[in-house]
N, C-alpha and C. Protein backbone atom coordinates (compact mmCIF):
# COMPACT_ATOMS: atom_id res chain seq x y z
N MET A 1 1.25 -1.30 -0.08
CA MET A 1 -0.12 -0.05 -0.22
C MET A 1 0.75 1.30 -0.41
N PRO A 2 0.52 2.18 -0.80
CA PRO A 2 1.50 3.31 -1.24
C PRO A 2 1.57 4.31 -0.03
N ASP A 3 2.54 4.81 0.52
CA ASP A 3 2.67 6.17 1.86
C ASP A 3 2.10 6.75 0.86
N ALA A 4 2.21 8.43 1.69
CA ALA A 4 2.38 9.45 0.96
C ALA A 4 3.85 9.91 0.32
N LEU A 5 4.55 9.47 1.08
CA LEU A 5 6.13 9.67 0.48
C LEU A 5 6.15 9.17 -1.43
N THR A 6 5.34 7.95 -1.03
CA THR A 6 5.70 7.57 -2.65
C THR A 6 4.79 8.43 -3.45
N ASP A 7 3.42 8.54 -3.32
CA ASP A 7 2.42 9.70 -3.65
C ASP A 7 2.71 10.39 -4.31
N ILE A 8 4.38 11.21 -3.20
CA ILE A 8 4.29 12.52 -3.89
C ILE A 8 5.79 12.18 -4.48
N LEU A 9 6.41 11.45 -4.75
CA LEU A 9 7.75 11.41 -5.45
C LEU A 9 6.57 10.33 -7.18
N GLU A 10 6.07 9.90 -6.87
CA GLU A 10 5.29 9.46 -8.08
C GLU A 10 4.54 10.30 -8.76
N LYS A 11 3.95 11.38 -7.93
CA LYS A 11 3.15 12.32 -8.51
C LYS A 11 3.60 13.51 -9.20
N TYR A 12 4.82 14.03 -8.56
CA TYR A 12 5.54 15.47 -8.86
C TYR A 12 7.10 14.88 -9.45
N LYS A 13 7.12 15.27 -10.45
CA LYS A 13 8.59 15.14 -11.63
C LYS A 13 9.74 16.36 -11.44
N THR A 14 8.80 17.38 -10.42
CA THR A 14 9.69 18.58 -10.93
C THR A 14 9.79 19.42 -9.55
N LEU A 15 11.36 19.61 -9.66
CA LEU A 15 11.57 19.88 -8.00
C LEU A 15 12.24 21.08 -7.68
N ALA A 16 12.28 21.84 -7.09
CA ALA A 16 12.94 23.14 -7.04
C ALA A 16 13.69 23.20 -6.01
N VAL A 17 15.15 22.73 -6.43
CA VAL A 17 15.69 22.67 -4.91
C VAL A 17 17.07 23.59 -4.25
N VAL A 18 16.30 24.54 -3.80
CA VAL A 18 16.66 25.72 -2.44
C VAL A 18 18.05 25.65 -1.96
N GLY A 19 18.96 25.98 -2.23
CA GLY A 19 20.53 26.02 -1.89
C GLY A 19 21.42 24.86 -2.56
N LEU A 20 20.99 24.52 -3.66
CA LEU A 20 21.53 23.56 -4.46
C LEU A 20 22.74 23.57 -4.79
N SER A 21 24.65 23.33 -4.63
CA SER A 21 25.36 23.74 -5.13
C SER A 21 25.86 23.14 -6.18
N SER A 22 26.97 23.81 -7.10
CA SER A 22 27.53 23.30 -8.14
C SER A 22 28.30 22.35 -8.09
N LYS A 23 29.01 22.45 -6.25
CA LYS A 23 30.24 21.93 -6.03
C LYS A 23 29.79 20.14 -5.47
N PRO A 24 30.35 19.00 -5.86
CA PRO A 24 30.06 17.64 -6.82
C PRO A 24 30.15 17.19 -4.99
N SER A 25 30.85 18.17 -3.66
CA SER A 25 31.01 17.42 -2.51
C SER A 25 30.26 17.64 -1.81
N ARG A 26 29.12 18.91 -2.53
CA ARG A 26 28.14 18.97 -1.13
C ARG A 26 26.67 17.79 -1.37
N PRO A 27 26.02 17.80 -0.41
CA PRO A 27 24.79 16.62 -0.58
C PRO A 27 24.03 17.45 -1.43
N SER A 28 23.68 18.61 -1.52
CA SER A 28 22.70 19.05 -2.48
C SER A 28 22.73 18.24 -3.79
N TYR A 29 24.49 18.46 -4.23
CA TYR A 29 24.75 17.93 -5.66
C TYR A 29 24.55 16.57 -6.00
N GLY A 30 24.82 15.91 -4.93
CA GLY A 30 24.16 14.73 -4.92
C GLY A 30 23.45 14.29 -5.17
N VAL A 31 22.16 14.70 -4.19
CA VAL A 31 20.93 14.12 -4.29
C VAL A 31 20.12 14.44 -5.63
N ALA A 32 20.71 15.84 -5.84
CA ALA A 32 19.61 16.31 -6.95
C ALA A 32 20.65 15.52 -8.12
N SER A 33 21.50 15.26 -8.42
CA SER A 33 22.00 14.28 -9.55
C SER A 33 21.06 13.07 -9.86
N TYR A 34 21.47 12.63 -8.34
CA TYR A 34 20.28 11.24 -8.35
C TYR A 34 18.80 11.30 -8.82
N MET A 35 18.70 12.67 -8.32
CA MET A 35 16.92 12.49 -8.55
C MET A 35 16.72 12.68 -10.27
N GLN A 36 17.76 13.62 -10.86
CA GLN A 36 17.81 14.12 -11.84
C GLN A 36 17.85 12.74 -12.86
N ILE A 37 18.97 11.47 -12.52
CA ILE A 37 19.57 10.59 -13.40
C ILE A 37 18.08 9.69 -12.91
N HIS A 38 17.10 9.49 -12.31
CA HIS A 38 15.90 9.15 -11.90
C HIS A 38 14.44 9.60 -12.64
N GLY A 39 14.67 10.78 -13.53
CA GLY A 39 13.96 11.42 -14.08
C GLY A 39 13.43 12.43 -13.94
N TYR A 40 13.69 13.05 -12.48
CA TYR A 40 13.46 14.12 -12.26
C TYR A 40 13.56 15.69 -12.90
N ARG A 41 13.06 16.77 -13.18
CA ARG A 41 13.48 17.56 -13.29
C ARG A 41 13.75 18.49 -12.52
N ILE A 42 15.04 18.98 -12.62
CA ILE A 42 16.22 19.82 -10.98
C ILE A 42 15.79 21.19 -11.38
N ILE A 43 15.21 22.26 -10.77
CA ILE A 43 15.49 23.44 -10.86
C ILE A 43 16.16 24.10 -9.92
N PRO A 44 17.38 24.58 -10.01
CA PRO A 44 18.45 25.27 -8.84
C PRO A 44 17.80 26.54 -8.81
N VAL A 45 18.06 26.40 -7.12
CA VAL A 45 18.15 28.03 -6.74
C VAL A 45 18.95 28.27 -5.65
N ASN A 46 19.47 29.36 -6.04
CA ASN A 46 20.70 29.87 -5.21
C ASN A 46 21.27 30.95 -5.70
N PRO A 47 21.22 31.81 -5.48
CA PRO A 47 21.36 33.38 -5.72
C PRO A 47 22.96 33.13 -6.03
N HIS A 48 23.82 32.29 -5.54
CA HIS A 48 25.50 32.00 -6.17
C HIS A 48 25.72 31.66 -7.15
N GLU A 49 24.83 31.06 -7.91
CA GLU A 49 24.78 29.53 -8.82
C GLU A 49 24.36 30.34 -10.37
N ALA A 50 25.19 30.06 -11.31
CA ALA A 50 24.27 30.31 -12.81
C ALA A 50 24.00 28.95 -13.31
N SER A 51 24.70 28.22 -13.58
CA SER A 51 23.81 26.40 -13.59
C SER A 51 23.84 25.69 -12.59
N VAL A 52 23.33 24.75 -12.36
CA VAL A 52 23.98 23.34 -11.93
C VAL A 52 23.64 22.27 -12.52
N LEU A 53 24.14 21.29 -12.72
CA LEU A 53 23.31 19.88 -13.58
C LEU A 53 22.79 20.29 -14.97
N GLY A 54 23.38 21.70 -15.35
CA GLY A 54 22.97 21.55 -16.74
C GLY A 54 21.74 22.15 -17.07
N GLU A 55 21.41 22.93 -15.83
CA GLU A 55 19.61 23.52 -15.66
C GLU A 55 20.24 24.97 -15.22
N LYS A 56 19.68 26.18 -15.89
CA LYS A 56 19.72 27.41 -15.35
C LYS A 56 19.27 27.97 -14.15
N ALA A 57 20.50 28.38 -13.11
CA ALA A 57 20.07 28.79 -12.00
C ALA A 57 19.18 29.76 -11.15
N TYR A 58 17.95 30.20 -10.10
CA TYR A 58 17.43 31.19 -10.24
C TYR A 58 18.15 31.59 -8.86
N THR A 59 17.75 33.38 -8.50
CA THR A 59 18.05 33.61 -7.36
C THR A 59 16.96 33.30 -6.42
N SER A 60 16.09 33.12 -6.73
CA SER A 60 14.74 32.64 -5.78
C SER A 60 13.64 31.85 -6.30
N LEU A 61 12.44 31.46 -5.47
CA LEU A 61 11.75 30.46 -5.70
C LEU A 61 10.65 31.60 -6.55
N GLU A 62 10.71 32.76 -6.26
CA GLU A 62 9.55 33.91 -7.42
C GLU A 62 10.42 33.88 -8.19
N ALA A 63 11.42 33.94 -8.60
CA ALA A 63 12.77 34.24 -10.04
C ALA A 63 11.89 33.03 -11.35
N VAL A 64 11.91 31.84 -10.47
CA VAL A 64 11.70 30.41 -11.13
C VAL A 64 10.38 30.88 -12.49
N PRO A 65 10.22 30.88 -13.40
CA PRO A 65 9.26 31.06 -14.28
C PRO A 65 8.01 30.28 -14.53
N GLU A 66 8.40 29.15 -14.08
CA GLU A 66 7.24 28.30 -14.05
C GLU A 66 6.61 27.66 -12.83
N ALA A 67 5.70 26.80 -12.42
CA ALA A 67 5.40 26.42 -11.39
C ALA A 67 6.29 25.31 -10.92
N THR A 68 6.32 25.49 -9.01
CA THR A 68 7.33 24.37 -8.93
C THR A 68 5.89 23.27 -7.86
N GLU A 69 6.28 22.54 -7.89
CA GLU A 69 5.45 21.20 -7.20
C GLU A 69 5.68 21.21 -5.94
N VAL A 70 6.97 21.09 -6.29
CA VAL A 70 7.82 20.47 -5.20
C VAL A 70 9.33 21.19 -4.53
N VAL A 71 9.45 21.97 -3.62
CA VAL A 71 10.36 22.64 -2.96
C VAL A 71 11.41 21.94 -1.75
N VAL A 72 12.38 21.40 -2.35
CA VAL A 72 13.35 20.62 -1.75
C VAL A 72 14.31 21.66 -0.99
N VAL A 73 14.72 21.72 0.32
CA VAL A 73 15.35 22.88 1.00
C VAL A 73 16.42 21.98 1.84
N PHE A 74 17.73 23.02 1.17
CA PHE A 74 18.80 22.46 1.66
C PHE A 74 19.51 23.74 2.41
N ARG A 75 18.80 24.53 3.47
CA ARG A 75 19.48 25.70 3.56
C ARG A 75 19.37 24.89 5.07
N ARG A 76 20.05 25.91 6.05
CA ARG A 76 19.76 25.50 7.87
C ARG A 76 18.04 26.31 8.06
N PRO A 77 17.81 25.64 9.19
CA PRO A 77 16.52 25.88 9.79
C PRO A 77 16.37 26.71 9.57
N GLU A 78 17.10 28.47 9.95
CA GLU A 78 16.53 29.96 10.36
C GLU A 78 16.69 30.26 9.13
N PHE A 79 16.99 29.70 7.83
CA PHE A 79 16.13 29.93 6.17
C PHE A 79 14.83 29.48 6.12
N VAL A 80 14.76 28.67 6.43
CA VAL A 80 13.35 27.55 6.38
C VAL A 80 12.23 28.85 5.83
N PRO A 81 11.87 29.17 7.37
CA PRO A 81 10.66 30.16 6.91
C PRO A 81 10.47 31.32 5.76
N GLU A 82 11.46 31.79 5.55
CA GLU A 82 11.50 32.74 3.91
C GLU A 82 10.83 31.84 2.90
N VAL A 83 11.62 30.43 2.97
CA VAL A 83 11.42 29.83 2.07
C VAL A 83 10.05 29.24 1.96
N VAL A 84 9.47 29.09 2.93
CA VAL A 84 8.25 28.60 3.15
C VAL A 84 7.19 29.48 2.34
N GLU A 85 7.17 30.20 2.71
CA GLU A 85 6.97 32.01 2.11
C GLU A 85 6.56 31.57 0.85
N SER A 86 8.16 31.99 0.28
CA SER A 86 7.96 32.32 -1.29
C SER A 86 7.68 30.66 -1.80
N ALA A 87 7.12 29.83 -1.12
CA ALA A 87 6.56 27.88 -1.89
C ALA A 87 5.76 28.63 -2.09
N ILE A 88 4.98 29.28 -0.84
CA ILE A 88 3.39 29.74 -0.70
C ILE A 88 3.08 30.22 -1.56
N ARG A 89 3.73 31.55 -1.86
CA ARG A 89 3.53 32.87 -3.31
C ARG A 89 3.91 31.63 -4.50
N LYS A 90 4.17 31.25 -4.85
CA LYS A 90 4.68 30.42 -5.87
C LYS A 90 3.46 28.99 -6.29
N GLY A 91 3.06 28.63 -5.30
CA GLY A 91 1.62 27.69 -5.19
C GLY A 91 2.36 26.33 -5.34
N ALA A 92 3.34 25.99 -4.72
CA ALA A 92 3.89 24.84 -4.67
C ALA A 92 3.01 24.01 -4.09
N LYS A 93 3.04 22.84 -3.74
CA LYS A 93 2.32 21.73 -3.31
C LYS A 93 2.88 20.64 -2.24
N VAL A 94 4.35 21.13 -2.25
CA VAL A 94 4.80 19.61 -0.93
C VAL A 94 6.10 20.96 -0.57
N ILE A 95 6.37 21.05 0.47
CA ILE A 95 7.68 21.31 1.27
C ILE A 95 8.37 20.22 1.88
N TRP A 96 10.08 19.72 1.02
CA TRP A 96 10.56 18.77 1.69
C TRP A 96 12.07 19.73 2.51
N MET A 97 12.08 19.32 3.54
CA MET A 97 13.18 19.88 4.15
C MET A 97 14.29 18.12 3.95
N GLN A 98 15.70 18.43 4.16
CA GLN A 98 16.26 17.62 4.36
C GLN A 98 16.39 16.77 5.09
N GLU A 99 17.29 15.77 5.31
CA GLU A 99 17.95 15.38 6.48
C GLU A 99 18.45 16.67 7.66
N GLY A 100 18.04 17.14 8.72
CA GLY A 100 18.62 17.82 9.86
C GLY A 100 18.13 19.47 9.76
N VAL A 101 17.30 19.66 8.64
CA VAL A 101 16.39 20.24 8.58
C VAL A 101 14.76 20.48 8.97
N ILE A 102 14.97 21.35 10.16
CA ILE A 102 13.48 21.00 10.96
C ILE A 102 13.12 22.16 11.41
N HIS A 103 12.06 22.97 11.21
CA HIS A 103 11.40 24.14 11.50
C HIS A 103 9.64 24.01 11.75
N GLU A 104 9.63 23.94 12.97
CA GLU A 104 8.07 23.48 13.06
C GLU A 104 7.18 24.61 12.87
N GLU A 105 7.72 25.91 13.28
CA GLU A 105 6.84 27.20 13.04
C GLU A 105 6.23 27.00 11.55
N ALA A 106 7.44 26.82 10.62
CA ALA A 106 7.27 27.34 9.22
C ALA A 106 6.28 26.31 8.58
N ALA A 107 6.62 24.78 9.26
CA ALA A 107 6.01 23.40 8.88
C ALA A 107 4.68 23.84 8.82
N GLN A 108 4.51 24.07 10.34
CA GLN A 108 2.74 24.66 10.67
C GLN A 108 2.26 25.83 9.34
N ARG A 109 2.87 26.82 9.39
CA ARG A 109 2.52 27.35 8.51
C ARG A 109 2.41 27.02 7.06
N ALA A 110 3.08 26.21 6.50
CA ALA A 110 3.24 25.55 5.01
C ALA A 110 1.82 24.60 5.27
N ARG A 111 1.85 24.11 5.89
CA ARG A 111 0.16 22.84 6.44
C ARG A 111 -1.15 24.08 6.30
N GLU A 112 -0.79 25.12 7.09
CA GLU A 112 -2.15 25.86 7.04
C GLU A 112 -2.48 26.18 6.24
N ALA A 113 -1.25 26.52 4.56
CA ALA A 113 -1.38 27.02 3.44
C ALA A 113 -2.35 25.67 2.62
N GLY A 114 -1.93 24.90 3.04
CA GLY A 114 -2.30 23.42 2.39
C GLY A 114 -1.32 22.97 1.55
N LEU A 115 0.24 23.40 1.48
CA LEU A 115 1.34 22.25 1.53
C LEU A 115 1.13 20.98 2.69
N THR A 116 1.82 20.05 1.34
CA THR A 116 2.61 19.05 2.29
C THR A 116 3.41 19.26 2.34
N VAL A 117 4.23 19.10 4.23
CA VAL A 117 5.39 19.04 4.69
C VAL A 117 5.90 17.88 4.57
N ILE A 118 6.98 17.77 4.35
CA ILE A 118 8.10 16.46 4.62
C ILE A 118 10.10 17.40 5.75
N GLN A 119 10.09 16.97 6.79
CA GLN A 119 10.96 17.17 7.34
C GLN A 119 11.62 16.72 7.81
N ASP A 120 13.51 16.54 7.81
CA ASP A 120 14.30 15.79 8.60
C ASP A 120 14.07 14.66 7.45
N ARG A 121 13.90 14.41 6.41
CA ARG A 121 14.09 13.51 5.74
C ARG A 121 14.72 13.79 4.35
N CYS A 122 15.58 12.50 3.60
CA CYS A 122 16.65 12.38 2.51
C CYS A 122 15.88 12.14 1.22
N ILE A 123 15.34 13.18 0.15
CA ILE A 123 14.77 12.84 -0.99
C ILE A 123 15.14 11.59 -1.26
N LEU A 124 16.24 11.54 -1.55
CA LEU A 124 17.17 10.52 -2.52
C LEU A 124 16.88 9.36 -1.39
N LYS A 125 17.44 9.28 -0.35
CA LYS A 125 16.79 7.72 0.66
C LYS A 125 15.63 7.23 0.21
N GLU A 126 14.62 8.24 0.20
CA GLU A 126 13.60 7.93 0.14
C GLU A 126 13.09 7.67 -1.14
N HIS A 127 13.38 7.71 -2.09
CA HIS A 127 13.44 7.66 -3.38
C HIS A 127 13.80 6.37 -3.51
N ALA A 128 15.40 6.04 -3.85
CA ALA A 128 15.79 4.90 -2.82
C ALA A 128 15.27 3.60 -2.45
N LYS A 129 14.57 3.62 -1.85
CA LYS A 129 13.94 2.89 -0.63
C LYS A 129 12.59 2.44 -1.28
N ARG A 130 11.96 3.24 -2.24
CA ARG A 130 10.63 2.70 -2.80
C ARG A 130 10.91 2.34 -4.34
N PHE A 131 11.97 2.65 -5.11
CA PHE A 131 12.11 2.40 -6.69
C PHE A 131 13.49 2.01 -7.13
N VAL A 132 13.80 1.68 -6.17
CA VAL A 132 15.51 1.14 -6.58
C VAL A 132 15.75 0.03 -6.21
N THR A 133 15.70 -1.00 -6.97
CA THR A 133 15.89 -2.29 -6.19
C THR A 133 17.07 -3.19 -6.01
N GLU A 134 18.02 -2.54 -7.09
CA GLU A 134 19.50 -3.24 -7.57
C GLU A 134 20.69 -2.44 -6.97
N GLY A 135 22.06 -2.50 -6.56
CA GLY A 135 22.81 -1.60 -6.55
C GLY A 135 22.78 -0.69 -5.20
N ILE A 136 22.00 -0.93 -4.23
CA ILE A 136 22.49 -0.30 -3.02
C ILE A 136 22.86 -1.13 -1.74
C-alpha cells in the first residue's frame, strides 16, 4: 500500500532545489544529481550559481518562471520560514526539508496554507527505498 512519500515521488516530477550547489562534494549536488538521473526535472535555486547540473539556476523561488510542485530545502533551519513563504506564494504543493532541516513553525505555516510538509528526510534515500531495487 503506497504511503504519502511514495505518492509525492510518483506524482510530482519537478523539484525546485533551494540551496543547490554546483560543488560535487555538497550533499545537495549528490541528491539533485541522483534525482535527475531518475527522471526528475531539477530547478536550481541559489543566488550564487548560474547553472547546476545543466539547468539554469534562479536567485529565488519567485524568479522561477514556471510552477514549482516540490520545493526541496537544503538550507539551515533559520532560513526555512522565508523559503516556506516563497513556496506558498509560488503555489507549491510540497515542502521537503532534507535531513537535519526542521522548523516546526514554518512547517505549521505551510500546512495551514495547504502544502504537504516533509521534515528531516532525505529525498534520495526515500526514493531509493521505494523505487530502486538493485545496487544499494
